[in-house]
Amino acid sequence: MRKLFVLILLMSSVPAAAFGQSQGERRGWGYAVAGLVGTAVSNAGPRFTVGGGGEVLFYRGLGIGGDLSYVTAPDRVSNGIGIGSVDLAYHFNRAGKLAPFVTGGASAAFNGGGSAGGGNFGGGIQYWPKDHVGVRFEVRDHIFSSDSPHFYAIRVGVTFR
């Protein structure tokens, strides 16, 4: 429980770092996402995810971030799992309107029955039509052990700074 508290505290502090930047410079942002999740298990059925997080760049396009999401099936919303992630990311063309990125890091899955550690990797594009509001498209794969299914997520959301 203490590790979960530290993870949530870290993730909640990351978006606050976005406010210390000069005008026109994107060095940090928060985001809210929703999407679909697939697994390698054929009888698992469809799942969806909602969540949010933030990132802050600390050297050129290299940054650190974290997010928290909830994954569940449409017919069993109260029987889902939470996934928290702390990631390193690299953002290409970070000053442009279209900014692709890659990301990867550590993940933890948890529910009322326990928790499991693992990792994730992925990438996507952030589109900034306005200076302070953008759109985020992302594909991410969470892996929790060698014998558990992958959780492939396709997420779309709003980015803000």
N, C-alpha and C. Protein backbone atom coordinates (compact mmCIF):
# COMPACT_ATOMS: atom_id res chain seq x y z
N MET A 1 0.82 -1.19 0.00
CA MET A 1 0.00 0.00 0.00
C MET A 1 0.87 1.26 0.00
N ARG A 2 2.00 1.21 0.70
CA ARG A 2 2.89 2.36 0.77
C ARG A 2 3.46 2.66 -0.63
N LYS A 3 3.80 1.61 -1.40
CA LYS A 3 4.33 1.82 -2.75
C LYS A 3 3.29 2.49 -3.64
N LEU A 4 2.03 2.07 -3.52
CA LEU A 4 0.96 2.66 -4.30
C LEU A 4 0.81 4.14 -3.95
N PHE A 5 0.87 4.47 -2.67
CA PHE A 5 0.75 5.87 -2.24
C PHE A 5 1.89 6.71 -2.83
N VAL A 6 3.11 6.21 -2.79
CA VAL A 6 4.26 6.93 -3.34
C VAL A 6 4.09 7.11 -4.85
N LEU A 7 3.61 6.08 -5.54
CA LEU A 7 3.40 6.16 -6.98
C LEU A 7 2.36 7.24 -7.31
N ILE A 8 1.26 7.26 -6.59
CA ILE A 8 0.21 8.26 -6.82
C ILE A 8 0.74 9.66 -6.52
N LEU A 9 1.50 9.81 -5.45
CA LEU A 9 2.08 11.11 -5.11
C LEU A 9 3.02 11.60 -6.21
N LEU A 10 3.86 10.71 -6.71
CA LEU A 10 4.78 11.07 -7.79
C LEU A 10 4.02 11.49 -9.04
N MET A 11 3.01 10.71 -9.42
CA MET A 11 2.26 11.02 -10.63
C MET A 11 1.48 12.32 -10.50
N SER A 12 0.98 12.63 -9.32
CA SER A 12 0.22 13.87 -9.16
C SER A 12 1.12 15.09 -9.17
N SER A 13 2.41 14.94 -8.88
CA SER A 13 3.31 16.09 -8.89
C SER A 13 3.86 16.39 -10.27
N VAL A 14 3.84 15.44 -11.19
CA VAL A 14 4.41 15.64 -12.52
C VAL A 14 3.69 16.74 -13.30
N PRO A 15 2.34 16.79 -13.37
CA PRO A 15 1.70 17.86 -14.14
C PRO A 15 1.99 19.25 -13.57
N ALA A 16 2.23 19.38 -12.29
CA ALA A 16 2.51 20.69 -11.71
C ALA A 16 3.80 21.28 -12.25
N ALA A 17 4.73 20.46 -12.67
CA ALA A 17 5.99 20.96 -13.22
C ALA A 17 5.79 21.64 -14.56
N ALA A 18 4.68 21.43 -15.21
CA ALA A 18 4.42 22.03 -16.52
C ALA A 18 4.23 23.54 -16.43
N PHE A 19 3.95 24.10 -15.27
CA PHE A 19 3.67 25.51 -15.15
C PHE A 19 4.93 26.37 -15.12
N GLY A 20 6.13 25.79 -14.96
CA GLY A 20 7.35 26.56 -14.87
C GLY A 20 8.08 26.69 -16.19
N GLN A 21 7.40 27.08 -17.28
CA GLN A 21 8.04 27.14 -18.58
C GLN A 21 7.81 28.51 -19.21
N SER A 22 8.67 28.89 -20.11
CA SER A 22 8.50 30.15 -20.79
C SER A 22 7.45 30.01 -21.88
N GLN A 23 6.95 31.15 -22.35
CA GLN A 23 5.90 31.15 -23.35
C GLN A 23 6.35 30.48 -24.64
N GLY A 24 5.52 29.62 -25.20
CA GLY A 24 5.81 28.93 -26.45
C GLY A 24 6.66 27.68 -26.30
N GLU A 25 7.12 27.40 -25.11
CA GLU A 25 7.97 26.23 -24.90
C GLU A 25 7.17 25.14 -24.20
N ARG A 26 7.10 23.97 -24.83
CA ARG A 26 6.39 22.85 -24.23
C ARG A 26 7.38 22.00 -23.46
N ARG A 27 7.31 22.06 -22.13
CA ARG A 27 8.22 21.26 -21.31
C ARG A 27 7.47 20.33 -20.38
N GLY A 28 6.17 20.44 -20.32
CA GLY A 28 5.39 19.56 -19.47
C GLY A 28 3.91 19.72 -19.75
N TRP A 29 3.14 18.67 -19.48
CA TRP A 29 1.71 18.69 -19.75
C TRP A 29 1.02 17.57 -18.97
N GLY A 30 -0.26 17.71 -18.85
CA GLY A 30 -1.09 16.66 -18.31
C GLY A 30 -2.00 16.12 -19.40
N TYR A 31 -2.61 14.99 -19.16
CA TYR A 31 -3.51 14.44 -20.17
C TYR A 31 -4.56 13.55 -19.52
N ALA A 32 -5.69 13.44 -20.19
CA ALA A 32 -6.76 12.51 -19.83
C ALA A 32 -7.05 11.68 -21.07
N VAL A 33 -7.16 10.36 -20.90
CA VAL A 33 -7.32 9.46 -22.05
C VAL A 33 -8.43 8.43 -21.81
N ALA A 34 -8.92 7.90 -22.90
CA ALA A 34 -9.86 6.77 -22.87
C ALA A 34 -9.52 5.92 -24.08
N GLY A 35 -9.84 4.64 -24.01
CA GLY A 35 -9.52 3.79 -25.15
C GLY A 35 -9.99 2.37 -24.99
N LEU A 36 -9.54 1.55 -25.92
CA LEU A 36 -9.88 0.13 -25.96
C LEU A 36 -8.66 -0.68 -25.59
N VAL A 37 -8.89 -1.83 -24.95
CA VAL A 37 -7.81 -2.71 -24.52
C VAL A 37 -8.08 -4.09 -25.06
N GLY A 38 -7.06 -4.70 -25.64
CA GLY A 38 -7.14 -6.08 -26.09
C GLY A 38 -6.12 -6.91 -25.35
N THR A 39 -6.33 -8.20 -25.31
CA THR A 39 -5.38 -9.11 -24.67
C THR A 39 -5.12 -10.27 -25.61
N ALA A 40 -4.10 -11.05 -25.29
CA ALA A 40 -3.76 -12.23 -26.07
C ALA A 40 -4.69 -13.40 -25.74
N VAL A 41 -5.54 -13.28 -24.73
CA VAL A 41 -6.48 -14.33 -24.34
C VAL A 41 -7.72 -14.22 -25.21
N SER A 42 -8.05 -15.27 -25.93
CA SER A 42 -9.14 -15.22 -26.91
C SER A 42 -10.52 -15.07 -26.27
N ASN A 43 -10.74 -15.57 -25.07
CA ASN A 43 -12.07 -15.51 -24.47
C ASN A 43 -12.19 -14.34 -23.48
N ALA A 44 -11.25 -13.42 -23.47
CA ALA A 44 -11.28 -12.31 -22.51
C ALA A 44 -12.36 -11.30 -22.82
N GLY A 45 -12.76 -11.15 -24.07
CA GLY A 45 -13.78 -10.19 -24.43
C GLY A 45 -13.23 -8.77 -24.49
N PRO A 46 -14.07 -7.83 -24.94
CA PRO A 46 -13.60 -6.45 -25.07
C PRO A 46 -13.44 -5.78 -23.71
N ARG A 47 -12.50 -4.87 -23.65
CA ARG A 47 -12.26 -4.09 -22.45
C ARG A 47 -12.04 -2.64 -22.86
N PHE A 48 -12.27 -1.74 -21.91
CA PHE A 48 -11.97 -0.34 -22.17
C PHE A 48 -11.17 0.22 -21.01
N THR A 49 -10.57 1.37 -21.22
CA THR A 49 -9.74 2.00 -20.21
C THR A 49 -10.00 3.50 -20.17
N VAL A 50 -9.89 4.07 -18.98
CA VAL A 50 -9.92 5.52 -18.79
C VAL A 50 -8.78 5.86 -17.83
N GLY A 51 -8.22 7.04 -17.97
CA GLY A 51 -7.14 7.41 -17.07
C GLY A 51 -6.58 8.78 -17.36
N GLY A 52 -5.48 9.06 -16.72
CA GLY A 52 -4.83 10.34 -16.91
C GLY A 52 -3.45 10.33 -16.32
N GLY A 53 -2.69 11.37 -16.63
CA GLY A 53 -1.34 11.46 -16.11
C GLY A 53 -0.67 12.73 -16.57
N GLY A 54 0.65 12.71 -16.57
CA GLY A 54 1.39 13.88 -16.99
C GLY A 54 2.83 13.54 -17.30
N GLU A 55 3.50 14.47 -17.97
CA GLU A 55 4.90 14.30 -18.34
C GLU A 55 5.61 15.63 -18.20
N VAL A 56 6.89 15.58 -17.90
CA VAL A 56 7.73 16.77 -17.86
C VAL A 56 9.06 16.43 -18.54
N LEU A 57 9.50 17.33 -19.44
CA LEU A 57 10.76 17.12 -20.14
C LEU A 57 11.89 17.70 -19.28
N PHE A 58 12.99 16.96 -19.17
CA PHE A 58 14.10 17.46 -18.37
C PHE A 58 15.37 17.64 -19.18
N TYR A 59 15.48 17.07 -20.37
CA TYR A 59 16.63 17.29 -21.23
C TYR A 59 16.20 17.12 -22.68
N ARG A 60 16.15 18.22 -23.40
CA ARG A 60 15.70 18.22 -24.78
C ARG A 60 14.35 17.53 -24.88
N GLY A 61 14.22 16.43 -25.65
CA GLY A 61 12.95 15.73 -25.76
C GLY A 61 12.76 14.62 -24.75
N LEU A 62 13.76 14.39 -23.88
CA LEU A 62 13.69 13.30 -22.90
C LEU A 62 12.92 13.76 -21.66
N GLY A 63 11.98 12.95 -21.23
CA GLY A 63 11.16 13.32 -20.09
C GLY A 63 10.78 12.14 -19.23
N ILE A 64 10.14 12.47 -18.13
CA ILE A 64 9.62 11.46 -17.21
C ILE A 64 8.15 11.76 -16.99
N GLY A 65 7.38 10.71 -16.79
CA GLY A 65 5.94 10.89 -16.59
C GLY A 65 5.34 9.73 -15.84
N GLY A 66 4.09 9.87 -15.60
CA GLY A 66 3.35 8.81 -14.93
C GLY A 66 1.88 8.91 -15.25
N ASP A 67 1.19 7.81 -15.15
CA ASP A 67 -0.26 7.84 -15.30
C ASP A 67 -0.91 6.74 -14.50
N LEU A 68 -2.19 6.92 -14.34
CA LEU A 68 -3.03 5.99 -13.60
C LEU A 68 -4.26 5.72 -14.45
N SER A 69 -4.59 4.45 -14.68
CA SER A 69 -5.74 4.12 -15.51
C SER A 69 -6.53 2.97 -14.90
N TYR A 70 -7.75 2.81 -15.38
CA TYR A 70 -8.64 1.75 -14.93
C TYR A 70 -9.07 0.96 -16.15
N VAL A 71 -8.91 -0.37 -16.11
CA VAL A 71 -9.25 -1.26 -17.23
C VAL A 71 -10.37 -2.18 -16.77
N THR A 72 -11.43 -2.27 -17.56
CA THR A 72 -12.55 -3.13 -17.19
C THR A 72 -13.34 -3.55 -18.43
N ALA A 73 -14.20 -4.53 -18.26
CA ALA A 73 -15.11 -4.97 -19.31
C ALA A 73 -16.41 -4.18 -19.20
N PRO A 74 -17.09 -3.92 -20.31
CA PRO A 74 -18.32 -3.12 -20.26
C PRO A 74 -19.42 -3.72 -19.36
N ASP A 75 -19.46 -5.03 -19.25
CA ASP A 75 -20.51 -5.65 -18.44
C ASP A 75 -20.11 -5.86 -16.98
N ARG A 76 -18.87 -5.54 -16.62
CA ARG A 76 -18.40 -5.71 -15.24
C ARG A 76 -17.54 -4.51 -14.83
N VAL A 77 -18.11 -3.32 -14.85
CA VAL A 77 -17.36 -2.09 -14.60
C VAL A 77 -16.73 -2.09 -13.21
N SER A 78 -17.40 -2.62 -12.22
CA SER A 78 -16.86 -2.60 -10.85
C SER A 78 -15.81 -3.69 -10.61
N ASN A 79 -15.57 -4.55 -11.59
CA ASN A 79 -14.63 -5.66 -11.43
C ASN A 79 -13.40 -5.48 -12.33
N GLY A 80 -12.82 -4.28 -12.33
CA GLY A 80 -11.68 -4.01 -13.19
C GLY A 80 -10.37 -4.00 -12.42
N ILE A 81 -9.33 -3.55 -13.10
CA ILE A 81 -8.03 -3.43 -12.45
C ILE A 81 -7.49 -2.01 -12.67
N GLY A 82 -6.75 -1.53 -11.72
CA GLY A 82 -6.05 -0.27 -11.86
C GLY A 82 -4.65 -0.54 -12.35
N ILE A 83 -4.12 0.36 -13.16
CA ILE A 83 -2.75 0.25 -13.64
C ILE A 83 -2.07 1.60 -13.45
N GLY A 84 -0.99 1.59 -12.70
CA GLY A 84 -0.18 2.79 -12.52
C GLY A 84 1.15 2.59 -13.22
N SER A 85 1.65 3.63 -13.87
CA SER A 85 2.90 3.54 -14.61
C SER A 85 3.78 4.75 -14.35
N VAL A 86 5.07 4.52 -14.27
CA VAL A 86 6.08 5.57 -14.25
C VAL A 86 6.98 5.30 -15.44
N ASP A 87 7.14 6.31 -16.32
CA ASP A 87 7.78 6.07 -17.61
C ASP A 87 8.82 7.12 -17.96
N LEU A 88 9.77 6.71 -18.79
CA LEU A 88 10.64 7.63 -19.51
C LEU A 88 10.04 7.77 -20.89
N ALA A 89 10.16 8.96 -21.48
CA ALA A 89 9.62 9.20 -22.81
C ALA A 89 10.58 10.07 -23.59
N TYR A 90 10.53 9.93 -24.91
CA TYR A 90 11.27 10.84 -25.77
C TYR A 90 10.27 11.42 -26.77
N HIS A 91 10.22 12.76 -26.83
CA HIS A 91 9.31 13.47 -27.73
C HIS A 91 10.10 14.10 -28.86
N PHE A 92 9.79 13.70 -30.09
CA PHE A 92 10.42 14.24 -31.28
C PHE A 92 9.64 15.48 -31.69
N ASN A 93 10.30 16.46 -32.27
CA ASN A 93 9.63 17.66 -32.79
C ASN A 93 8.73 18.29 -31.72
N ARG A 94 9.21 18.40 -30.50
CA ARG A 94 8.38 18.85 -29.38
C ARG A 94 7.88 20.28 -29.52
N ALA A 95 8.51 21.11 -30.35
CA ALA A 95 8.06 22.48 -30.54
C ALA A 95 7.01 22.59 -31.66
N GLY A 96 6.84 21.54 -32.44
CA GLY A 96 5.90 21.59 -33.56
C GLY A 96 4.48 21.23 -33.16
N LYS A 97 3.56 21.42 -34.09
CA LYS A 97 2.16 21.07 -33.83
C LYS A 97 1.96 19.56 -33.75
N LEU A 98 2.73 18.79 -34.50
CA LEU A 98 2.65 17.34 -34.51
C LEU A 98 3.91 16.79 -33.87
N ALA A 99 3.78 16.19 -32.68
CA ALA A 99 4.94 15.75 -31.90
C ALA A 99 4.84 14.26 -31.60
N PRO A 100 5.52 13.39 -32.37
CA PRO A 100 5.53 11.96 -32.07
C PRO A 100 6.37 11.68 -30.82
N PHE A 101 6.07 10.56 -30.16
CA PHE A 101 6.81 10.19 -28.96
C PHE A 101 6.88 8.68 -28.81
N VAL A 102 7.88 8.23 -28.05
CA VAL A 102 7.99 6.83 -27.61
C VAL A 102 8.09 6.85 -26.09
N THR A 103 7.61 5.79 -25.46
CA THR A 103 7.60 5.75 -24.01
C THR A 103 7.77 4.31 -23.52
N GLY A 104 8.23 4.18 -22.30
CA GLY A 104 8.37 2.86 -21.69
C GLY A 104 8.78 3.00 -20.24
N GLY A 105 8.42 2.02 -19.43
CA GLY A 105 8.77 2.10 -18.02
C GLY A 105 8.17 0.99 -17.20
N ALA A 106 8.02 1.27 -15.91
CA ALA A 106 7.51 0.30 -14.95
C ALA A 106 6.01 0.49 -14.73
N SER A 107 5.30 -0.61 -14.55
CA SER A 107 3.86 -0.58 -14.30
C SER A 107 3.51 -1.45 -13.11
N ALA A 108 2.41 -1.14 -12.48
CA ALA A 108 1.86 -1.96 -11.40
C ALA A 108 0.36 -2.10 -11.65
N ALA A 109 -0.14 -3.32 -11.61
CA ALA A 109 -1.57 -3.59 -11.73
C ALA A 109 -2.09 -3.96 -10.36
N PHE A 110 -3.28 -3.50 -10.03
CA PHE A 110 -3.83 -3.78 -8.71
C PHE A 110 -5.35 -3.82 -8.75
N ASN A 111 -5.91 -4.60 -7.84
CA ASN A 111 -7.35 -4.65 -7.60
C ASN A 111 -7.54 -5.14 -6.17
N GLY A 112 -8.75 -5.45 -5.78
CA GLY A 112 -9.03 -5.90 -4.42
C GLY A 112 -8.36 -7.21 -4.06
N GLY A 113 -7.95 -7.99 -5.05
CA GLY A 113 -7.35 -9.29 -4.80
C GLY A 113 -5.83 -9.30 -4.73
N GLY A 114 -5.18 -8.18 -5.01
CA GLY A 114 -3.73 -8.16 -4.96
C GLY A 114 -3.14 -7.22 -5.99
N SER A 115 -1.84 -7.40 -6.23
CA SER A 115 -1.16 -6.53 -7.18
C SER A 115 -0.07 -7.32 -7.90
N ALA A 116 0.40 -6.76 -9.01
CA ALA A 116 1.48 -7.38 -9.79
C ALA A 116 2.30 -6.28 -10.43
N GLY A 117 3.60 -6.46 -10.49
CA GLY A 117 4.49 -5.49 -11.13
C GLY A 117 4.83 -5.95 -12.52
N GLY A 118 5.22 -5.00 -13.35
CA GLY A 118 5.60 -5.32 -14.72
C GLY A 118 6.16 -4.11 -15.41
N GLY A 119 5.97 -4.06 -16.72
CA GLY A 119 6.48 -2.96 -17.50
C GLY A 119 5.56 -2.61 -18.65
N ASN A 120 5.89 -1.55 -19.36
CA ASN A 120 5.10 -1.14 -20.51
C ASN A 120 6.00 -0.44 -21.52
N PHE A 121 5.54 -0.41 -22.76
CA PHE A 121 6.21 0.35 -23.81
C PHE A 121 5.16 0.76 -24.83
N GLY A 122 5.46 1.80 -25.56
CA GLY A 122 4.51 2.26 -26.55
C GLY A 122 4.97 3.52 -27.23
N GLY A 123 4.04 4.17 -27.90
CA GLY A 123 4.34 5.40 -28.59
C GLY A 123 3.07 6.01 -29.13
N GLY A 124 3.22 7.18 -29.70
CA GLY A 124 2.06 7.86 -30.24
C GLY A 124 2.41 9.22 -30.79
N ILE A 125 1.39 10.06 -30.90
CA ILE A 125 1.52 11.41 -31.45
C ILE A 125 0.67 12.35 -30.60
N GLN A 126 1.23 13.52 -30.32
CA GLN A 126 0.44 14.60 -29.73
C GLN A 126 0.28 15.67 -30.80
N TYR A 127 -0.94 16.13 -30.99
CA TYR A 127 -1.23 17.19 -31.95
C TYR A 127 -1.69 18.41 -31.16
N TRP A 128 -1.02 19.54 -31.37
CA TRP A 128 -1.29 20.78 -30.64
C TRP A 128 -1.94 21.81 -31.56
N PRO A 129 -3.26 21.77 -31.78
CA PRO A 129 -3.90 22.79 -32.62
C PRO A 129 -3.91 24.16 -31.94
N LYS A 130 -3.92 24.18 -30.62
CA LYS A 130 -3.86 25.41 -29.82
C LYS A 130 -2.63 25.32 -28.94
N ASP A 131 -2.20 26.45 -28.39
CA ASP A 131 -0.98 26.48 -27.59
C ASP A 131 -1.11 25.70 -26.28
N HIS A 132 -2.29 25.70 -25.67
CA HIS A 132 -2.44 25.08 -24.35
C HIS A 132 -3.29 23.81 -24.35
N VAL A 133 -3.85 23.43 -25.49
CA VAL A 133 -4.71 22.25 -25.56
C VAL A 133 -4.34 21.44 -26.79
N GLY A 134 -4.22 20.12 -26.61
CA GLY A 134 -3.87 19.25 -27.71
C GLY A 134 -4.65 17.94 -27.66
N VAL A 135 -4.37 17.09 -28.63
CA VAL A 135 -4.99 15.77 -28.73
C VAL A 135 -3.86 14.74 -28.68
N ARG A 136 -4.08 13.67 -27.93
CA ARG A 136 -3.07 12.63 -27.76
C ARG A 136 -3.60 11.31 -28.33
N PHE A 137 -2.82 10.68 -29.22
CA PHE A 137 -3.11 9.35 -29.75
C PHE A 137 -1.97 8.46 -29.30
N GLU A 138 -2.29 7.31 -28.71
CA GLU A 138 -1.24 6.47 -28.13
C GLU A 138 -1.59 4.99 -28.24
N VAL A 139 -0.55 4.18 -28.43
CA VAL A 139 -0.66 2.73 -28.35
C VAL A 139 0.34 2.28 -27.30
N ARG A 140 -0.12 1.47 -26.35
CA ARG A 140 0.76 1.03 -25.27
C ARG A 140 0.50 -0.44 -24.96
N ASP A 141 1.57 -1.17 -24.62
CA ASP A 141 1.49 -2.58 -24.26
C ASP A 141 1.99 -2.74 -22.83
N HIS A 142 1.15 -3.27 -21.96
CA HIS A 142 1.54 -3.57 -20.57
C HIS A 142 1.81 -5.07 -20.45
N ILE A 143 2.92 -5.41 -19.80
CA ILE A 143 3.32 -6.80 -19.59
C ILE A 143 3.57 -6.97 -18.09
N PHE A 144 2.91 -7.95 -17.47
CA PHE A 144 3.05 -8.11 -16.02
C PHE A 144 3.83 -9.34 -15.60
N SER A 145 3.87 -10.37 -16.39
CA SER A 145 4.73 -11.52 -16.13
C SER A 145 4.82 -12.34 -17.41
N SER A 146 5.73 -13.29 -17.43
CA SER A 146 5.92 -14.07 -18.65
C SER A 146 4.71 -14.97 -18.95
N ASP A 147 3.90 -15.28 -17.94
CA ASP A 147 2.75 -16.15 -18.18
C ASP A 147 1.42 -15.40 -18.18
N SER A 148 1.42 -14.08 -18.05
CA SER A 148 0.16 -13.32 -18.11
C SER A 148 -0.01 -12.73 -19.50
N PRO A 149 -1.25 -12.44 -19.89
CA PRO A 149 -1.48 -11.86 -21.22
C PRO A 149 -1.00 -10.41 -21.26
N HIS A 150 -0.64 -9.97 -22.45
CA HIS A 150 -0.33 -8.57 -22.67
C HIS A 150 -1.63 -7.78 -22.66
N PHE A 151 -1.58 -6.55 -22.22
CA PHE A 151 -2.71 -5.64 -22.32
C PHE A 151 -2.34 -4.57 -23.35
N TYR A 152 -2.89 -4.70 -24.57
CA TYR A 152 -2.63 -3.75 -25.64
C TYR A 152 -3.69 -2.66 -25.58
N ALA A 153 -3.29 -1.42 -25.35
CA ALA A 153 -4.25 -0.33 -25.24
C ALA A 153 -4.07 0.65 -26.38
N ILE A 154 -5.18 1.05 -26.98
CA ILE A 154 -5.22 2.14 -27.95
C ILE A 154 -5.99 3.25 -27.27
N ARG A 155 -5.30 4.38 -27.02
CA ARG A 155 -5.89 5.45 -26.23
C ARG A 155 -5.90 6.77 -26.99
N VAL A 156 -6.97 7.52 -26.79
CA VAL A 156 -7.13 8.85 -27.37
C VAL A 156 -7.53 9.77 -26.24
N GLY A 157 -6.98 10.98 -26.23
CA GLY A 157 -7.35 11.88 -25.15
C GLY A 157 -7.01 13.32 -25.44
N VAL A 158 -7.20 14.13 -24.41
CA VAL A 158 -6.91 15.56 -24.48
C VAL A 158 -5.65 15.83 -23.65
N THR A 159 -4.79 16.69 -24.19
CA THR A 159 -3.56 17.09 -23.52
C THR A 159 -3.67 18.57 -23.20
N PHE A 160 -3.18 18.96 -22.04
CA PHE A 160 -3.30 20.36 -21.64
C PHE A 160 -2.02 20.79 -20.91
N ARG A 161 -1.71 22.08 -21.02
CA ARG A 161 -0.58 22.63 -20.28
C ARG A 161 -0.89 24.04 -19.84
